[in-house]
Amino acid sequence: MKQWTSVDEILDFAIGNEQEANDFYMDLASRVERPWMREIFKNFAKEELGHKKKLQDIKGGKKWGASQSKAIDLKIGDYLVAPEPGPQMDYQGALILAMKKEKNAFKLYTNLAATCGDDNLEQIFLALAQEEAKHKLRFEIEYDDFIMTEN
């Protein structure tokens, strides 16, 4: 992982990551044909923009009360192979891609927390990691409810 020279540099990196996550979900929404799938991914894109706003507020000096609750991990997405995104992607493939994305975001924030060198920022990154874990859990539950029950 990159060596950071300031808290602002870490926050800028995290802000960029949240924008990339928003772009990912908007791109995924544009690739699916079903309107209800499109809306699900657009809603996740909005949530990622919410994370970006929190980080921008923190960078601007605003305090953020982080939740201490931890999300469980069903690990469903850990054992699935993600397909290439495309216009004909089915809901199962889209869910797998989303689970993988959220798992990577969780790892990123966990690693940032471990390397940032600032106790307050560490707690913020751990809280963001938990938010990403909650996203992954929502996708895993959706996968369990709609995909695994069909098999």
N, C-alpha and C. Protein backbone atom coordinates (compact mmCIF):
# COMPACT_ATOMS: atom_id res chain seq x y z
N MET A 1 0.84 -1.17 0.00
CA MET A 1 0.00 0.00 0.00
C MET A 1 0.89 1.23 0.00
N LYS A 2 0.38 2.28 -0.60
CA LYS A 2 1.11 3.53 -0.73
C LYS A 2 1.45 4.11 0.64
N GLN A 3 2.58 4.78 0.73
CA GLN A 3 2.95 5.51 1.95
C GLN A 3 2.34 6.90 1.87
N TRP A 4 1.57 7.25 2.87
CA TRP A 4 0.89 8.54 2.90
C TRP A 4 1.77 9.57 3.61
N THR A 5 1.67 10.79 3.16
CA THR A 5 2.44 11.85 3.80
C THR A 5 1.57 12.77 4.65
N SER A 6 0.24 12.65 4.51
CA SER A 6 -0.66 13.48 5.31
C SER A 6 -2.04 12.83 5.40
N VAL A 7 -2.80 13.28 6.38
CA VAL A 7 -4.18 12.82 6.54
C VAL A 7 -5.00 13.25 5.33
N ASP A 8 -4.77 14.45 4.84
CA ASP A 8 -5.50 14.92 3.66
C ASP A 8 -5.25 14.03 2.45
N GLU A 9 -4.05 13.54 2.30
CA GLU A 9 -3.72 12.66 1.18
C GLU A 9 -4.50 11.35 1.30
N ILE A 10 -4.61 10.82 2.50
CA ILE A 10 -5.38 9.59 2.73
C ILE A 10 -6.85 9.85 2.42
N LEU A 11 -7.37 10.96 2.91
CA LEU A 11 -8.77 11.29 2.67
C LEU A 11 -9.05 11.50 1.19
N ASP A 12 -8.14 12.16 0.49
CA ASP A 12 -8.30 12.34 -0.96
C ASP A 12 -8.36 11.00 -1.67
N PHE A 13 -7.50 10.08 -1.26
CA PHE A 13 -7.51 8.75 -1.85
C PHE A 13 -8.85 8.06 -1.59
N ALA A 14 -9.35 8.12 -0.36
CA ALA A 14 -10.62 7.49 -0.01
C ALA A 14 -11.79 8.15 -0.74
N ILE A 15 -11.74 9.47 -0.88
CA ILE A 15 -12.78 10.19 -1.62
C ILE A 15 -12.80 9.73 -3.07
N GLY A 16 -11.62 9.61 -3.66
CA GLY A 16 -11.52 9.11 -5.04
C GLY A 16 -12.05 7.69 -5.17
N ASN A 17 -11.79 6.88 -4.16
CA ASN A 17 -12.27 5.50 -4.17
C ASN A 17 -13.80 5.46 -4.14
N GLU A 18 -14.41 6.33 -3.35
CA GLU A 18 -15.87 6.37 -3.29
C GLU A 18 -16.45 6.85 -4.62
N GLN A 19 -15.78 7.79 -5.28
CA GLN A 19 -16.25 8.23 -6.59
C GLN A 19 -16.15 7.08 -7.59
N GLU A 20 -15.06 6.32 -7.52
CA GLU A 20 -14.92 5.15 -8.40
C GLU A 20 -16.02 4.13 -8.13
N ALA A 21 -16.39 3.95 -6.87
CA ALA A 21 -17.47 3.02 -6.54
C ALA A 21 -18.79 3.52 -7.11
N ASN A 22 -19.04 4.82 -7.01
CA ASN A 22 -20.24 5.40 -7.62
C ASN A 22 -20.24 5.15 -9.11
N ASP A 23 -19.12 5.41 -9.76
CA ASP A 23 -19.01 5.19 -11.21
C ASP A 23 -19.24 3.73 -11.56
N PHE A 24 -18.71 2.82 -10.74
CA PHE A 24 -18.88 1.38 -10.96
C PHE A 24 -20.37 1.01 -10.96
N TYR A 25 -21.10 1.47 -9.95
CA TYR A 25 -22.52 1.11 -9.86
C TYR A 25 -23.35 1.79 -10.95
N MET A 26 -22.99 3.01 -11.33
CA MET A 26 -23.71 3.67 -12.42
C MET A 26 -23.43 2.94 -13.74
N ASP A 27 -22.19 2.50 -13.94
CA ASP A 27 -21.86 1.73 -15.13
C ASP A 27 -22.62 0.40 -15.14
N LEU A 28 -22.65 -0.25 -13.99
CA LEU A 28 -23.38 -1.51 -13.88
C LEU A 28 -24.86 -1.28 -14.18
N ALA A 29 -25.42 -0.20 -13.66
CA ALA A 29 -26.83 0.13 -13.92
C ALA A 29 -27.08 0.33 -15.41
N SER A 30 -26.12 0.91 -16.09
CA SER A 30 -26.31 1.17 -17.53
C SER A 30 -26.17 -0.10 -18.37
N ARG A 31 -25.60 -1.14 -17.79
CA ARG A 31 -25.35 -2.37 -18.55
C ARG A 31 -26.48 -3.40 -18.42
N VAL A 32 -27.33 -3.23 -17.43
CA VAL A 32 -28.40 -4.22 -17.23
C VAL A 32 -29.65 -3.77 -17.96
N GLU A 33 -30.42 -4.73 -18.42
CA GLU A 33 -31.62 -4.41 -19.20
C GLU A 33 -32.85 -4.23 -18.32
N ARG A 34 -32.91 -4.91 -17.21
CA ARG A 34 -34.11 -4.85 -16.38
C ARG A 34 -34.15 -3.55 -15.57
N PRO A 35 -35.25 -2.80 -15.67
CA PRO A 35 -35.34 -1.53 -14.95
C PRO A 35 -35.19 -1.66 -13.43
N TRP A 36 -35.69 -2.73 -12.84
CA TRP A 36 -35.58 -2.89 -11.39
C TRP A 36 -34.14 -3.13 -10.97
N MET A 37 -33.37 -3.83 -11.82
CA MET A 37 -31.95 -4.02 -11.53
C MET A 37 -31.22 -2.69 -11.63
N ARG A 38 -31.58 -1.92 -12.64
CA ARG A 38 -30.96 -0.61 -12.85
C ARG A 38 -31.16 0.27 -11.61
N GLU A 39 -32.36 0.26 -11.06
CA GLU A 39 -32.65 1.08 -9.88
C GLU A 39 -31.87 0.63 -8.66
N ILE A 40 -31.72 -0.67 -8.48
CA ILE A 40 -30.94 -1.19 -7.35
C ILE A 40 -29.51 -0.64 -7.41
N PHE A 41 -28.90 -0.71 -8.58
CA PHE A 41 -27.51 -0.27 -8.70
C PHE A 41 -27.39 1.25 -8.64
N LYS A 42 -28.39 1.96 -9.12
CA LYS A 42 -28.38 3.42 -8.98
C LYS A 42 -28.47 3.81 -7.50
N ASN A 43 -29.25 3.07 -6.73
CA ASN A 43 -29.35 3.36 -5.30
C ASN A 43 -28.03 3.11 -4.59
N PHE A 44 -27.32 2.06 -4.98
CA PHE A 44 -26.01 1.82 -4.38
C PHE A 44 -25.02 2.92 -4.79
N ALA A 45 -25.14 3.40 -6.01
CA ALA A 45 -24.29 4.50 -6.46
C ALA A 45 -24.51 5.72 -5.57
N LYS A 46 -25.76 6.00 -5.22
CA LYS A 46 -26.08 7.13 -4.35
C LYS A 46 -25.47 6.93 -2.96
N GLU A 47 -25.50 5.70 -2.46
CA GLU A 47 -24.90 5.43 -1.15
C GLU A 47 -23.40 5.69 -1.16
N GLU A 48 -22.74 5.32 -2.25
CA GLU A 48 -21.30 5.57 -2.35
C GLU A 48 -21.02 7.07 -2.39
N LEU A 49 -21.90 7.84 -3.03
CA LEU A 49 -21.74 9.30 -2.99
C LEU A 49 -21.94 9.83 -1.58
N GLY A 50 -22.79 9.16 -0.80
CA GLY A 50 -22.95 9.54 0.60
C GLY A 50 -21.67 9.32 1.39
N HIS A 51 -20.98 8.22 1.12
CA HIS A 51 -19.68 7.98 1.76
C HIS A 51 -18.68 9.06 1.35
N LYS A 52 -18.70 9.40 0.08
CA LYS A 52 -17.79 10.44 -0.42
C LYS A 52 -18.06 11.76 0.31
N LYS A 53 -19.32 12.10 0.47
CA LYS A 53 -19.69 13.35 1.16
C LYS A 53 -19.22 13.33 2.61
N LYS A 54 -19.37 12.19 3.29
CA LYS A 54 -18.88 12.07 4.67
C LYS A 54 -17.38 12.33 4.74
N LEU A 55 -16.65 11.73 3.81
CA LEU A 55 -15.20 11.92 3.79
C LEU A 55 -14.82 13.37 3.49
N GLN A 56 -15.56 13.99 2.57
CA GLN A 56 -15.29 15.40 2.27
C GLN A 56 -15.58 16.28 3.49
N ASP A 57 -16.66 15.95 4.20
CA ASP A 57 -17.00 16.70 5.42
C ASP A 57 -15.91 16.54 6.47
N ILE A 58 -15.41 15.32 6.62
CA ILE A 58 -14.35 15.05 7.60
C ILE A 58 -13.09 15.84 7.21
N LYS A 59 -12.78 15.83 5.93
CA LYS A 59 -11.62 16.59 5.46
C LYS A 59 -11.79 18.07 5.75
N GLY A 60 -13.04 18.54 5.68
CA GLY A 60 -13.33 19.94 5.96
C GLY A 60 -13.40 20.28 7.44
N GLY A 61 -13.19 19.27 8.30
CA GLY A 61 -13.14 19.53 9.73
C GLY A 61 -14.36 19.09 10.51
N LYS A 62 -15.37 18.56 9.83
CA LYS A 62 -16.58 18.12 10.52
C LYS A 62 -16.32 16.80 11.25
N LYS A 63 -16.85 16.67 12.43
CA LYS A 63 -16.74 15.42 13.19
C LYS A 63 -17.82 14.46 12.72
N TRP A 64 -17.50 13.20 12.75
CA TRP A 64 -18.44 12.18 12.30
C TRP A 64 -18.54 11.11 13.35
N GLY A 65 -19.75 10.88 13.84
CA GLY A 65 -19.99 9.82 14.82
C GLY A 65 -20.14 8.49 14.12
N ALA A 66 -19.17 7.65 14.28
CA ALA A 66 -19.16 6.35 13.60
C ALA A 66 -19.95 5.32 14.39
N SER A 67 -20.67 4.49 13.67
CA SER A 67 -21.41 3.39 14.28
C SER A 67 -20.44 2.30 14.71
N GLN A 68 -20.73 1.68 15.83
CA GLN A 68 -19.88 0.61 16.33
C GLN A 68 -20.39 -0.79 15.95
N SER A 69 -21.55 -0.86 15.27
CA SER A 69 -22.11 -2.16 14.92
C SER A 69 -21.30 -2.79 13.79
N LYS A 70 -21.18 -4.11 13.87
CA LYS A 70 -20.42 -4.85 12.87
C LYS A 70 -21.38 -5.72 12.06
N ALA A 71 -21.15 -5.75 10.77
CA ALA A 71 -21.96 -6.57 9.87
C ALA A 71 -21.42 -7.99 9.85
N ILE A 72 -22.33 -8.93 9.73
CA ILE A 72 -21.90 -10.32 9.58
C ILE A 72 -21.51 -10.55 8.11
N ASP A 73 -20.74 -11.55 7.88
CA ASP A 73 -20.30 -11.88 6.53
C ASP A 73 -20.76 -13.29 6.22
N LEU A 74 -21.67 -13.42 5.28
CA LEU A 74 -22.16 -14.74 4.89
C LEU A 74 -21.15 -15.48 4.01
N LYS A 75 -20.19 -14.75 3.47
CA LYS A 75 -19.11 -15.28 2.64
C LYS A 75 -19.60 -15.94 1.35
N ILE A 76 -20.82 -15.63 0.96
CA ILE A 76 -21.36 -16.21 -0.27
C ILE A 76 -20.53 -15.76 -1.47
N GLY A 77 -20.24 -14.47 -1.55
CA GLY A 77 -19.50 -13.93 -2.69
C GLY A 77 -18.04 -14.35 -2.73
N ASP A 78 -17.52 -14.84 -1.62
CA ASP A 78 -16.11 -15.20 -1.56
C ASP A 78 -15.76 -16.38 -2.46
N TYR A 79 -16.75 -17.19 -2.78
CA TYR A 79 -16.48 -18.43 -3.51
C TYR A 79 -17.07 -18.44 -4.91
N LEU A 80 -17.52 -17.28 -5.36
CA LEU A 80 -18.13 -17.18 -6.68
C LEU A 80 -17.19 -16.44 -7.62
N VAL A 81 -17.24 -16.80 -8.88
CA VAL A 81 -16.41 -16.15 -9.90
C VAL A 81 -17.23 -15.04 -10.54
N ALA A 82 -16.66 -13.84 -10.56
CA ALA A 82 -17.35 -12.69 -11.12
C ALA A 82 -17.28 -12.72 -12.64
N PRO A 83 -18.40 -12.47 -13.30
CA PRO A 83 -18.40 -12.41 -14.76
C PRO A 83 -17.90 -11.03 -15.24
N GLU A 84 -17.65 -10.93 -16.52
CA GLU A 84 -17.34 -9.64 -17.12
C GLU A 84 -18.65 -8.86 -17.26
N PRO A 85 -18.65 -7.58 -16.88
CA PRO A 85 -19.87 -6.80 -17.04
C PRO A 85 -20.23 -6.65 -18.51
N GLY A 86 -21.51 -6.72 -18.81
CA GLY A 86 -21.98 -6.55 -20.18
C GLY A 86 -23.46 -6.30 -20.21
N PRO A 87 -24.00 -5.89 -21.35
CA PRO A 87 -25.41 -5.54 -21.45
C PRO A 87 -26.34 -6.74 -21.22
N GLN A 88 -25.86 -7.93 -21.49
CA GLN A 88 -26.69 -9.12 -21.31
C GLN A 88 -26.49 -9.78 -19.94
N MET A 89 -25.77 -9.10 -19.04
CA MET A 89 -25.49 -9.68 -17.73
C MET A 89 -26.80 -9.95 -16.99
N ASP A 90 -26.86 -11.12 -16.39
CA ASP A 90 -28.06 -11.43 -15.61
C ASP A 90 -27.91 -10.92 -14.18
N TYR A 91 -28.99 -11.03 -13.43
CA TYR A 91 -29.00 -10.50 -12.07
C TYR A 91 -27.98 -11.22 -11.20
N GLN A 92 -27.82 -12.51 -11.38
CA GLN A 92 -26.84 -13.27 -10.61
C GLN A 92 -25.44 -12.71 -10.82
N GLY A 93 -25.06 -12.50 -12.06
CA GLY A 93 -23.73 -11.96 -12.35
C GLY A 93 -23.53 -10.57 -11.77
N ALA A 94 -24.56 -9.74 -11.86
CA ALA A 94 -24.48 -8.39 -11.32
C ALA A 94 -24.30 -8.42 -9.80
N LEU A 95 -25.01 -9.31 -9.14
CA LEU A 95 -24.87 -9.44 -7.69
C LEU A 95 -23.48 -9.91 -7.31
N ILE A 96 -22.94 -10.85 -8.06
CA ILE A 96 -21.59 -11.35 -7.77
C ILE A 96 -20.57 -10.22 -7.92
N LEU A 97 -20.68 -9.45 -9.01
CA LEU A 97 -19.77 -8.32 -9.20
C LEU A 97 -19.86 -7.34 -8.04
N ALA A 98 -21.08 -7.06 -7.61
CA ALA A 98 -21.29 -6.10 -6.51
C ALA A 98 -20.70 -6.64 -5.20
N MET A 99 -20.89 -7.93 -4.92
CA MET A 99 -20.32 -8.52 -3.71
C MET A 99 -18.80 -8.39 -3.70
N LYS A 100 -18.19 -8.68 -4.84
CA LYS A 100 -16.73 -8.58 -4.95
C LYS A 100 -16.26 -7.14 -4.74
N LYS A 101 -16.98 -6.19 -5.32
CA LYS A 101 -16.63 -4.78 -5.18
C LYS A 101 -16.69 -4.35 -3.72
N GLU A 102 -17.74 -4.75 -3.02
CA GLU A 102 -17.90 -4.36 -1.62
C GLU A 102 -16.86 -5.04 -0.73
N LYS A 103 -16.50 -6.27 -1.04
CA LYS A 103 -15.46 -6.95 -0.27
C LYS A 103 -14.13 -6.21 -0.43
N ASN A 104 -13.82 -5.80 -1.65
CA ASN A 104 -12.59 -5.04 -1.89
C ASN A 104 -12.60 -3.71 -1.17
N ALA A 105 -13.76 -3.04 -1.14
CA ALA A 105 -13.87 -1.77 -0.42
C ALA A 105 -13.66 -1.98 1.07
N PHE A 106 -14.20 -3.06 1.61
CA PHE A 106 -14.00 -3.39 3.02
C PHE A 106 -12.51 -3.56 3.32
N LYS A 107 -11.82 -4.31 2.48
CA LYS A 107 -10.39 -4.54 2.67
C LYS A 107 -9.61 -3.22 2.58
N LEU A 108 -9.98 -2.38 1.63
CA LEU A 108 -9.30 -1.10 1.47
C LEU A 108 -9.40 -0.27 2.74
N TYR A 109 -10.61 -0.12 3.27
CA TYR A 109 -10.78 0.71 4.47
C TYR A 109 -10.13 0.09 5.69
N THR A 110 -10.14 -1.22 5.77
CA THR A 110 -9.46 -1.90 6.87
C THR A 110 -7.95 -1.63 6.80
N ASN A 111 -7.40 -1.71 5.59
CA ASN A 111 -5.97 -1.43 5.40
C ASN A 111 -5.64 0.04 5.66
N LEU A 112 -6.50 0.94 5.22
CA LEU A 112 -6.28 2.36 5.49
C LEU A 112 -6.30 2.64 6.98
N ALA A 113 -7.21 1.99 7.69
CA ALA A 113 -7.28 2.17 9.15
C ALA A 113 -5.99 1.72 9.81
N ALA A 114 -5.44 0.62 9.32
CA ALA A 114 -4.23 0.07 9.92
C ALA A 114 -2.99 0.90 9.63
N THR A 115 -3.01 1.68 8.55
CA THR A 115 -1.80 2.38 8.14
C THR A 115 -1.86 3.90 8.26
N CYS A 116 -3.01 4.46 8.65
CA CYS A 116 -3.15 5.92 8.59
C CYS A 116 -2.39 6.65 9.68
N GLY A 117 -2.16 6.03 10.84
CA GLY A 117 -1.39 6.69 11.89
C GLY A 117 -2.13 7.77 12.64
N ASP A 118 -3.45 7.81 12.53
CA ASP A 118 -4.26 8.81 13.22
C ASP A 118 -5.44 8.07 13.86
N ASP A 119 -5.54 8.13 15.20
CA ASP A 119 -6.56 7.35 15.91
C ASP A 119 -7.98 7.70 15.47
N ASN A 120 -8.27 8.98 15.31
CA ASN A 120 -9.61 9.40 14.90
C ASN A 120 -9.93 8.90 13.49
N LEU A 121 -8.98 9.08 12.58
CA LEU A 121 -9.16 8.63 11.21
C LEU A 121 -9.26 7.11 11.14
N GLU A 122 -8.51 6.43 11.98
CA GLU A 122 -8.59 4.97 12.03
C GLU A 122 -10.02 4.53 12.35
N GLN A 123 -10.64 5.16 13.32
CA GLN A 123 -12.02 4.81 13.69
C GLN A 123 -12.99 5.11 12.55
N ILE A 124 -12.76 6.19 11.84
CA ILE A 124 -13.61 6.53 10.71
C ILE A 124 -13.48 5.48 9.61
N PHE A 125 -12.25 5.09 9.29
CA PHE A 125 -12.04 4.07 8.26
C PHE A 125 -12.62 2.72 8.67
N LEU A 126 -12.50 2.37 9.94
CA LEU A 126 -13.10 1.11 10.40
C LEU A 126 -14.62 1.17 10.29
N ALA A 127 -15.20 2.33 10.57
CA ALA A 127 -16.65 2.48 10.42
C ALA A 127 -17.06 2.39 8.95
N LEU A 128 -16.27 3.00 8.07
CA LEU A 128 -16.56 2.90 6.64
C LEU A 128 -16.40 1.45 6.15
N ALA A 129 -15.43 0.75 6.69
CA ALA A 129 -15.26 -0.67 6.34
C ALA A 129 -16.53 -1.44 6.71
N GLN A 130 -17.09 -1.13 7.86
CA GLN A 130 -18.32 -1.81 8.28
C GLN A 130 -19.50 -1.44 7.38
N GLU A 131 -19.55 -0.20 6.92
CA GLU A 131 -20.61 0.17 5.98
C GLU A 131 -20.49 -0.63 4.69
N GLU A 132 -19.26 -0.80 4.21
CA GLU A 132 -19.05 -1.61 3.00
C GLU A 132 -19.41 -3.07 3.27
N ALA A 133 -19.10 -3.57 4.46
CA ALA A 133 -19.47 -4.94 4.81
C ALA A 133 -20.99 -5.09 4.84
N LYS A 134 -21.69 -4.06 5.29
CA LYS A 134 -23.15 -4.10 5.28
C LYS A 134 -23.69 -4.13 3.86
N HIS A 135 -23.05 -3.40 2.96
CA HIS A 135 -23.46 -3.45 1.54
C HIS A 135 -23.28 -4.87 1.01
N LYS A 136 -22.13 -5.45 1.31
CA LYS A 136 -21.87 -6.82 0.84
C LYS A 136 -22.91 -7.78 1.40
N LEU A 137 -23.24 -7.61 2.66
CA LEU A 137 -24.26 -8.47 3.28
C LEU A 137 -25.60 -8.31 2.57
N ARG A 138 -25.97 -7.09 2.23
CA ARG A 138 -27.24 -6.89 1.52
C ARG A 138 -27.24 -7.62 0.18
N PHE A 139 -26.11 -7.56 -0.54
CA PHE A 139 -26.02 -8.29 -1.80
C PHE A 139 -26.05 -9.80 -1.56
N GLU A 140 -25.40 -10.26 -0.50
CA GLU A 140 -25.40 -11.69 -0.21
C GLU A 140 -26.80 -12.19 0.16
N ILE A 141 -27.52 -11.41 0.92
CA ILE A 141 -28.90 -11.78 1.27
C ILE A 141 -29.77 -11.81 0.02
N GLU A 142 -29.59 -10.80 -0.83
CA GLU A 142 -30.33 -10.76 -2.10
C GLU A 142 -30.00 -12.00 -2.94
N TYR A 143 -28.73 -12.35 -3.00
CA TYR A 143 -28.28 -13.53 -3.75
C TYR A 143 -28.91 -14.79 -3.16
N ASP A 144 -28.88 -14.89 -1.85
CA ASP A 144 -29.45 -16.05 -1.17
C ASP A 144 -30.95 -16.15 -1.43
N ASP A 145 -31.64 -15.03 -1.36
CA ASP A 145 -33.09 -15.01 -1.53
C ASP A 145 -33.54 -15.29 -2.95
N PHE A 146 -32.81 -14.75 -3.93
CA PHE A 146 -33.29 -14.83 -5.31
C PHE A 146 -32.54 -15.79 -6.21
N ILE A 147 -31.33 -16.14 -5.88
CA ILE A 147 -30.55 -17.01 -6.74
C ILE A 147 -30.46 -18.42 -6.14
N MET A 148 -30.05 -18.51 -4.90
CA MET A 148 -29.84 -19.82 -4.29
C MET A 148 -31.15 -20.56 -4.08
N THR A 149 -32.25 -19.84 -3.89
CA THR A 149 -33.54 -20.51 -3.70
C THR A 149 -34.05 -21.11 -5.01
N GLU A 150 -33.57 -20.57 -6.16
CA GLU A 150 -33.97 -21.11 -7.45
C GLU A 150 -33.25 -22.40 -7.79
N ASN A 151 -32.11 -22.65 -7.15
CA ASN A 151 -31.30 -23.83 -7.49
C ASN A 151 -31.60 -25.00 -6.60
